[in-house]
Amino acid sequence: MGKTLAEKIFEAHRVDMPFPDTHVLNLDRVFCHEITTPIAITDLMARGLDRVFDPTKIKAVIDHVTPAKDSKTAEQGKILRDWAKRHEIKDFFDIGRNGVCHAIFPEKGFVRPGFTIIMGDSHTCTHGAFGAFAAGVGTTDLEVGILKGVCAFHFPKTLKVVVEGQMKPGVYAKDIILKIIKELTVNGATNMVIEFTGPVVDAMTMEARMTLCNMAIEAGGTSGVCYPDMTTVDYLWDYIKDDFDSKEAALNDYSQWTSDEDAEYERVKAQYEAQAEAERQRKRQQRQSNGEAVPGNNLGIDPALVAGVIGSQPKGSG
C-alpha cells in the first residue's frame, strides 16, 4: 500500500510511540515569535529548564507587534530577545531586520521539503507549501519542542484537493482557497492534512502555494501541503546549492516527498475548476462596476481583496 506525503514524513521522523496513535517526531525546526514564545520561555525558566535542544534549529522573530505598542508588548519582545541572546540563537530577527514570520522564515531558506516544523501560531501550516509537515501548537508542545526537539502528533489523515483548469487574470490563490474552505466548511478538514494538487497548483509560484497552505487551518486542517518541484528548488536554490551538484539533483532528492499513486486518503475532494472561479470573479466585478450590491457585501468591497492581505507576499501571490 502506498503512502501519502504526510505519512512518509512521519515515518522518517518518528522516534517513539508511547500510546496508540501518539507519534513522537523529531523536529527539524522550531519557529518562534514574541507573542506565544515568551510564555513558554517564562514557564521553562520557572521550572529550572532554561535551555534549548539545538540553537541552530530554532528561528525567532519579533513580528506581531513591531515596534511595541505599550509596556506589555515591549516586555514580550525583551523576553524573546534576551532568551535568544542567552542561548546564542543566531537566527533571531529583531526590529529593523524582521518581517512576518510566515514569510521571513521561508525567504531565509529555513523551510525544506520533508521537514517537520512547529510554532506557536495557527498559520504555521503555511510552510507545508514546500512539502514539509508544519503545524501550529500550544504552549506545552512548544516548550517540549524548545527543550527536547520533539513533538507528539496523531497519525495524519489526508484530504486530497485537486484543482483543475487554468488561472485566469483576476483570480488568485486566495480566491481558490476561499472557495475550497467555503465548500469544506470551517471544520471540514479537522485533524487532517490538506494536500493541494492538480495543474493549477503545479503552475503556482511558491508565494501562491504558501497562500493556499496558510489557510488550511481555516478549514480545521492541521497542515496544508504541496508537492516539491522545480519551482521549489528554484526558490530555495541560493540556500541549498552547496548541498547538491545541480538543480536536477536537488529535484531528484526532494521528489521522495510526494504521495504514492496508490496512497489511501481519508477522502478526495471533487475537482475544483479554476475557470469557474474566474467567471464568478468577472461577474462580481462587473456588478460592482455597475454600482450593484453584492450579496453579503454591503460595503461595495470585494472580500477576496480584503482577505488578500493574508496572501500578500513580496513577490506576489498569483
Protein backbone atom coordinates (compact mmCIF):
# COMPACT_ATOMS: atom_id res chain seq x y z
CA MET A 1 0.00 0.00 0.00
CA GLY A 2 1.29 3.43 -0.92
CA LYS A 3 1.83 6.30 1.46
CA THR A 4 0.82 9.94 1.48
CA LEU A 5 3.40 12.72 1.77
CA ALA A 6 2.49 13.31 5.41
CA GLU A 7 2.78 9.60 6.23
CA LYS A 8 6.26 9.49 4.69
CA ILE A 9 7.40 12.45 6.79
CA PHE A 10 6.00 10.85 9.94
CA GLU A 11 7.79 7.58 9.27
CA ALA A 12 11.09 9.36 8.63
CA HIS A 13 10.88 11.38 11.87
CA ARG A 14 9.16 9.06 14.35
CA VAL A 15 11.25 8.35 17.45
CA ASP A 16 8.63 6.94 19.80
CA MET A 17 5.02 5.80 20.02
CA PRO A 18 4.22 5.76 23.75
CA PHE A 19 0.47 5.30 23.25
CA PRO A 20 -1.73 4.10 20.40
CA ASP A 21 -1.87 6.78 17.69
CA THR A 22 0.56 9.04 19.55
CA HIS A 23 3.60 9.61 17.35
CA VAL A 24 6.60 11.48 18.75
CA LEU A 25 8.52 13.13 15.92
CA ASN A 26 11.96 14.67 15.76
CA LEU A 27 11.75 18.32 14.75
CA ASP A 28 13.85 19.94 12.06
CA ARG A 29 12.76 23.44 13.03
CA VAL A 30 11.13 25.25 15.92
CA PHE A 31 9.94 28.70 14.85
CA CYS A 32 9.21 31.36 17.47
CA HIS A 33 7.70 34.83 17.73
CA GLU A 34 7.18 37.29 20.57
CA ILE A 35 3.50 36.60 21.28
CA THR A 36 3.42 32.90 22.19
CA THR A 37 7.07 32.02 22.86
CA PRO A 38 7.66 34.27 25.92
CA ILE A 39 5.00 32.31 27.80
CA ALA A 40 6.89 29.09 27.09
CA ILE A 41 10.24 30.69 27.97
CA THR A 42 8.94 32.02 31.29
CA ASP A 43 7.47 28.64 32.25
CA LEU A 44 10.66 26.78 31.36
CA MET A 45 12.67 29.24 33.45
CA ALA A 46 10.32 28.76 36.40
CA ARG A 47 10.86 25.00 36.18
CA GLY A 48 14.64 25.32 36.06
CA LEU A 49 14.69 24.17 32.43
CA ASP A 50 16.05 27.25 30.71
CA ARG A 51 17.85 25.53 27.84
CA VAL A 52 17.32 24.69 24.16
CA PHE A 53 17.78 21.43 22.27
CA ASP A 54 19.71 22.97 19.35
CA PRO A 55 20.12 26.73 18.80
CA THR A 56 20.79 26.20 15.08
CA LYS A 57 17.33 24.70 14.59
CA ILE A 58 15.45 27.44 16.42
CA LYS A 59 14.49 30.57 14.47
CA ALA A 60 12.87 33.57 16.13
CA VAL A 61 11.39 36.89 15.09
CA ILE A 62 9.60 39.86 16.62
CA ASP A 63 6.79 40.35 14.14
CA HIS A 64 3.30 40.62 15.62
CA VAL A 65 3.66 43.95 17.41
CA THR A 66 6.62 45.82 15.97
CA PRO A 67 7.53 48.27 17.25
CA ALA A 68 5.97 47.58 20.64
CA LYS A 69 2.72 49.46 21.27
CA ASP A 70 2.95 49.50 25.08
CA SER A 71 4.97 48.25 28.04
CA LYS A 72 3.44 44.77 27.92
CA THR A 73 4.33 44.12 24.29
CA ALA A 74 7.77 45.65 24.91
CA GLU A 75 8.28 43.14 27.72
CA GLN A 76 7.29 40.27 25.42
CA GLY A 77 9.89 41.37 22.92
CA LYS A 78 12.52 41.73 25.64
CA ILE A 79 11.90 38.21 26.93
CA LEU A 80 12.37 36.77 23.45
CA ARG A 81 15.39 38.98 22.72
CA ASP A 82 17.16 38.09 25.98
CA TRP A 83 16.41 34.40 25.52
CA ALA A 84 17.83 34.37 22.00
CA LYS A 85 21.00 36.09 23.21
CA ARG A 86 21.32 33.84 26.24
CA HIS A 87 21.18 30.68 24.14
CA GLU A 88 23.14 32.04 21.16
CA ILE A 89 20.25 31.69 18.74
CA LYS A 90 21.86 33.37 15.76
CA ASP A 91 18.78 33.39 13.55
CA PHE A 92 16.91 35.95 15.61
CA PHE A 93 15.29 38.76 13.64
CA ASP A 94 14.84 41.80 15.80
CA ILE A 95 13.10 45.06 14.95
CA GLY A 96 14.78 46.57 11.92
CA ARG A 97 15.59 43.25 10.23
CA ASN A 98 12.35 41.45 10.86
CA GLY A 99 9.28 40.52 8.83
CA VAL A 100 6.11 38.44 9.07
CA CYS A 101 7.10 35.05 10.48
CA HIS A 102 5.27 33.08 7.78
CA ALA A 103 7.16 34.98 5.07
CA ILE A 104 10.61 35.66 6.50
CA PHE A 105 11.40 32.08 7.55
CA PRO A 106 10.81 30.64 4.05
CA GLU A 107 12.56 33.62 2.46
CA LYS A 108 15.65 32.88 4.57
CA GLY A 109 15.68 29.26 3.37
CA PHE A 110 14.76 27.74 6.72
CA VAL A 111 11.97 25.55 5.28
CA ARG A 112 12.85 22.47 3.23
CA PRO A 113 10.91 19.56 1.72
CA GLY A 114 10.44 16.71 4.18
CA PHE A 115 10.96 18.90 7.26
CA THR A 116 8.94 18.81 10.46
CA ILE A 117 8.20 22.27 11.85
CA ILE A 118 6.25 23.67 14.78
CA MET A 119 5.48 27.17 16.01
CA GLY A 120 3.04 28.65 18.49
CA ASP A 121 0.92 30.04 15.68
CA SER A 122 -2.07 28.52 13.92
CA HIS A 123 -0.84 29.56 10.46
CA THR A 124 2.38 27.60 10.74
CA CYS A 125 0.72 25.37 8.15
CA THR A 126 1.92 27.95 5.58
CA HIS A 127 5.27 26.17 5.37
CA GLY A 128 3.70 22.96 4.08
CA ALA A 129 3.86 24.63 0.66
CA PHE A 130 7.44 23.31 0.48
CA GLY A 131 6.44 19.70 1.04
CA ALA A 132 7.01 19.91 4.79
CA PHE A 133 4.82 18.95 7.72
CA ALA A 134 4.30 22.21 9.60
CA ALA A 135 1.80 22.66 12.41
CA GLY A 136 0.79 25.25 14.96
CA VAL A 137 1.00 24.06 18.56
CA GLY A 138 0.10 25.20 22.07
CA THR A 139 2.44 26.35 24.82
CA THR A 140 3.13 22.90 26.30
CA ASP A 141 4.12 21.40 22.95
CA LEU A 142 6.20 24.47 22.17
CA GLU A 143 8.06 24.09 25.48
CA VAL A 144 8.82 20.44 24.76
CA GLY A 145 9.95 21.35 21.25
CA ILE A 146 12.32 24.03 22.54
CA LEU A 147 13.67 21.76 25.29
CA LYS A 148 13.82 18.36 23.57
CA GLY A 149 13.35 18.94 19.83
CA VAL A 150 10.35 16.61 19.60
CA CYS A 151 6.57 16.92 19.36
CA ALA A 152 3.72 14.41 19.61
CA PHE A 153 1.00 14.14 16.95
CA HIS A 154 -1.80 11.84 15.93
CA PHE A 155 -1.17 9.94 12.71
CA PRO A 156 -2.22 12.22 9.85
CA LYS A 157 -5.31 11.56 7.83
CA THR A 158 -5.03 13.31 4.49
CA LEU A 159 -7.71 15.07 2.48
CA LYS A 160 -6.68 15.48 -1.15
CA VAL A 161 -7.85 18.56 -3.06
CA VAL A 162 -7.36 18.59 -6.83
CA VAL A 163 -7.51 21.98 -8.56
CA GLU A 164 -8.08 21.65 -12.29
CA GLY A 165 -8.17 24.14 -15.13
CA GLN A 166 -6.13 27.30 -15.53
CA MET A 167 -5.81 30.50 -13.52
CA LYS A 168 -7.39 33.36 -15.44
CA PRO A 169 -6.47 37.04 -14.96
CA GLY A 170 -8.01 38.43 -11.79
CA VAL A 171 -8.11 35.06 -9.99
CA TYR A 172 -5.51 34.38 -7.34
CA ALA A 173 -4.58 31.68 -4.88
CA LYS A 174 -6.60 33.49 -2.21
CA ASP A 175 -9.77 33.20 -4.32
CA ILE A 176 -9.21 29.48 -4.77
CA ILE A 177 -8.58 28.70 -1.11
CA LEU A 178 -11.58 30.79 -0.01
CA LYS A 179 -13.75 28.77 -2.38
CA ILE A 180 -12.30 25.50 -1.11
CA ILE A 181 -12.92 26.50 2.52
CA LYS A 182 -16.48 27.50 1.66
CA GLU A 183 -17.10 24.01 0.29
CA LEU A 184 -15.24 22.14 3.03
CA THR A 185 -16.67 24.38 5.81
CA VAL A 186 -14.64 25.63 8.76
CA ASN A 187 -14.34 22.17 10.32
CA GLY A 188 -14.39 20.03 7.19
CA ALA A 189 -10.70 19.13 7.49
CA THR A 190 -10.34 18.97 11.27
CA ASN A 191 -7.29 16.93 12.32
CA MET A 192 -6.37 16.32 8.69
CA VAL A 193 -3.59 17.34 6.35
CA ILE A 194 -4.95 19.05 3.24
CA GLU A 195 -2.92 18.01 0.22
CA PHE A 196 -3.23 20.55 -2.61
CA THR A 197 -2.61 19.06 -6.04
CA GLY A 198 -3.54 19.47 -9.69
CA PRO A 199 -2.30 21.52 -12.66
CA VAL A 200 -3.32 24.86 -11.14
CA VAL A 201 -1.23 24.20 -8.01
CA ASP A 202 1.66 22.91 -10.13
CA ALA A 203 1.69 26.20 -12.06
CA MET A 204 1.65 28.38 -8.94
CA THR A 205 4.57 30.33 -7.51
CA MET A 206 5.83 29.40 -4.06
CA GLU A 207 4.13 32.52 -2.71
CA ALA A 208 0.80 31.35 -4.12
CA ARG A 209 1.24 27.87 -2.69
CA MET A 210 2.01 29.40 0.69
CA THR A 211 -1.26 31.33 0.40
CA LEU A 212 -3.14 28.04 -0.09
CA CYS A 213 -1.43 26.26 2.79
CA ASN A 214 -1.63 29.31 5.08
CA MET A 215 -5.40 28.94 5.26
CA ALA A 216 -5.62 25.17 5.73
CA ILE A 217 -6.26 25.91 9.40
CA GLU A 218 -9.37 27.87 8.44
CA ALA A 219 -10.94 24.58 7.35
CA GLY A 220 -9.76 22.93 10.57
CA GLY A 221 -6.69 21.34 8.99
CA THR A 222 -3.58 20.50 10.99
CA SER A 223 -1.45 21.40 8.00
CA GLY A 224 -1.59 22.03 4.27
CA VAL A 225 0.96 20.56 1.86
CA CYS A 226 2.04 20.85 -1.76
CA TYR A 227 4.49 18.63 -3.61
CA PRO A 228 8.02 19.99 -4.03
CA ASP A 229 9.08 20.51 -7.65
CA MET A 230 11.47 22.66 -9.70
CA THR A 231 9.60 25.78 -8.57
CA THR A 232 10.51 24.79 -5.00
CA VAL A 233 14.11 24.14 -5.95
CA ASP A 234 14.41 27.49 -7.74
CA TYR A 235 13.01 29.31 -4.71
CA LEU A 236 15.47 27.61 -2.34
CA TRP A 237 18.47 27.40 -4.65
CA ASP A 238 20.58 30.15 -3.07
CA TYR A 239 20.36 28.27 0.25
CA ILE A 240 20.76 24.68 -0.99
CA LYS A 241 23.21 24.99 -3.88
CA ASP A 242 26.12 23.80 -1.75
CA ASP A 243 24.20 20.63 -0.90
CA PHE A 244 23.60 19.46 -4.47
CA ASP A 245 25.59 19.23 -7.69
CA SER A 246 22.72 20.65 -9.71
CA LYS A 247 19.09 21.69 -9.51
CA GLU A 248 18.16 18.40 -11.12
CA ALA A 249 19.93 16.54 -8.31
CA ALA A 250 18.03 18.61 -5.74
CA LEU A 251 14.75 17.86 -7.50
CA ASN A 252 15.54 14.15 -7.58
CA ASP A 253 16.16 14.17 -3.83
CA TYR A 254 13.09 16.25 -2.99
CA SER A 255 10.85 14.10 -5.20
CA GLN A 256 10.74 11.50 -2.43
CA TRP A 257 8.40 13.88 -0.59
CA THR A 258 5.34 13.25 -2.73
CA SER A 259 2.43 10.88 -2.26
CA ASP A 260 2.43 7.48 -3.94
CA GLU A 261 -0.11 6.86 -6.67
CA ASP A 262 -1.77 4.15 -4.60
CA ALA A 263 -1.78 6.14 -1.35
CA GLU A 264 -5.00 5.97 0.63
CA TYR A 265 -6.76 9.21 1.53
CA GLU A 266 -9.44 9.99 4.07
CA ARG A 267 -11.24 11.47 1.10
CA VAL A 268 -10.56 13.18 -2.20
CA LYS A 269 -12.26 16.50 -2.79
CA ALA A 270 -14.18 16.76 -6.05
CA GLN A 271 -12.13 18.64 -8.59
CA TYR A 272 -12.34 22.39 -8.29
CA GLU A 273 -12.35 24.27 -11.59
CA ALA A 274 -10.27 27.46 -11.63
CA GLN A 275 -12.13 28.66 -14.76
CA ALA A 276 -15.40 28.68 -12.88
CA GLU A 277 -13.86 30.89 -10.23
CA ALA A 278 -12.60 33.24 -12.95
CA GLU A 279 -16.13 33.63 -14.29
CA ARG A 280 -17.53 34.18 -10.80
CA GLN A 281 -14.97 36.90 -10.15
CA ARG A 282 -15.66 38.54 -13.51
CA LYS A 283 -19.38 38.72 -12.82
CA ARG A 284 -18.82 40.04 -9.31
CA GLN A 285 -16.54 42.80 -10.59
CA GLN A 286 -18.97 43.69 -13.36
CA ARG A 287 -21.83 44.04 -10.89
CA GLN A 288 -19.71 46.22 -8.62
CA SER A 289 -18.71 48.40 -11.57
CA ASN A 290 -22.41 48.88 -12.29
CA GLY A 291 -22.96 50.02 -8.71
CA GLU A 292 -24.92 46.92 -7.74
CA ALA A 293 -24.84 45.50 -4.22
CA VAL A 294 -23.07 42.15 -3.99
CA PRO A 295 -24.79 39.64 -1.63
CA GLY A 296 -23.09 39.54 1.73
CA ASN A 297 -21.10 42.65 0.96
CA ASN A 298 -22.88 45.93 1.59
CA LEU A 299 -19.67 47.97 1.54
CA GLY A 300 -19.04 47.60 -2.16
CA ILE A 301 -15.69 45.90 -1.41
CA ASP A 302 -14.64 42.51 -2.76
CA PRO A 303 -14.00 40.28 0.28
CA ALA A 304 -11.31 38.45 -1.69
CA LEU A 305 -9.35 41.68 -1.97
CA VAL A 306 -9.66 42.39 1.73
CA ALA A 307 -8.69 38.83 2.64
CA GLY A 308 -5.78 39.09 0.20
CA VAL A 309 -3.69 40.65 2.95
CA ILE A 310 -3.01 37.13 4.24
CA GLY A 311 -1.93 36.02 0.80
CA SER A 312 0.28 39.01 0.07
CA GLN A 313 3.98 38.31 -0.40
CA PRO A 314 6.82 40.49 -1.67
CA LYS A 315 6.97 38.57 -4.95
CA GLY A 316 3.21 38.43 -5.49
CA SER A 317 0.65 35.78 -4.68
CA GLY A 318 -0.50 34.78 -8.15
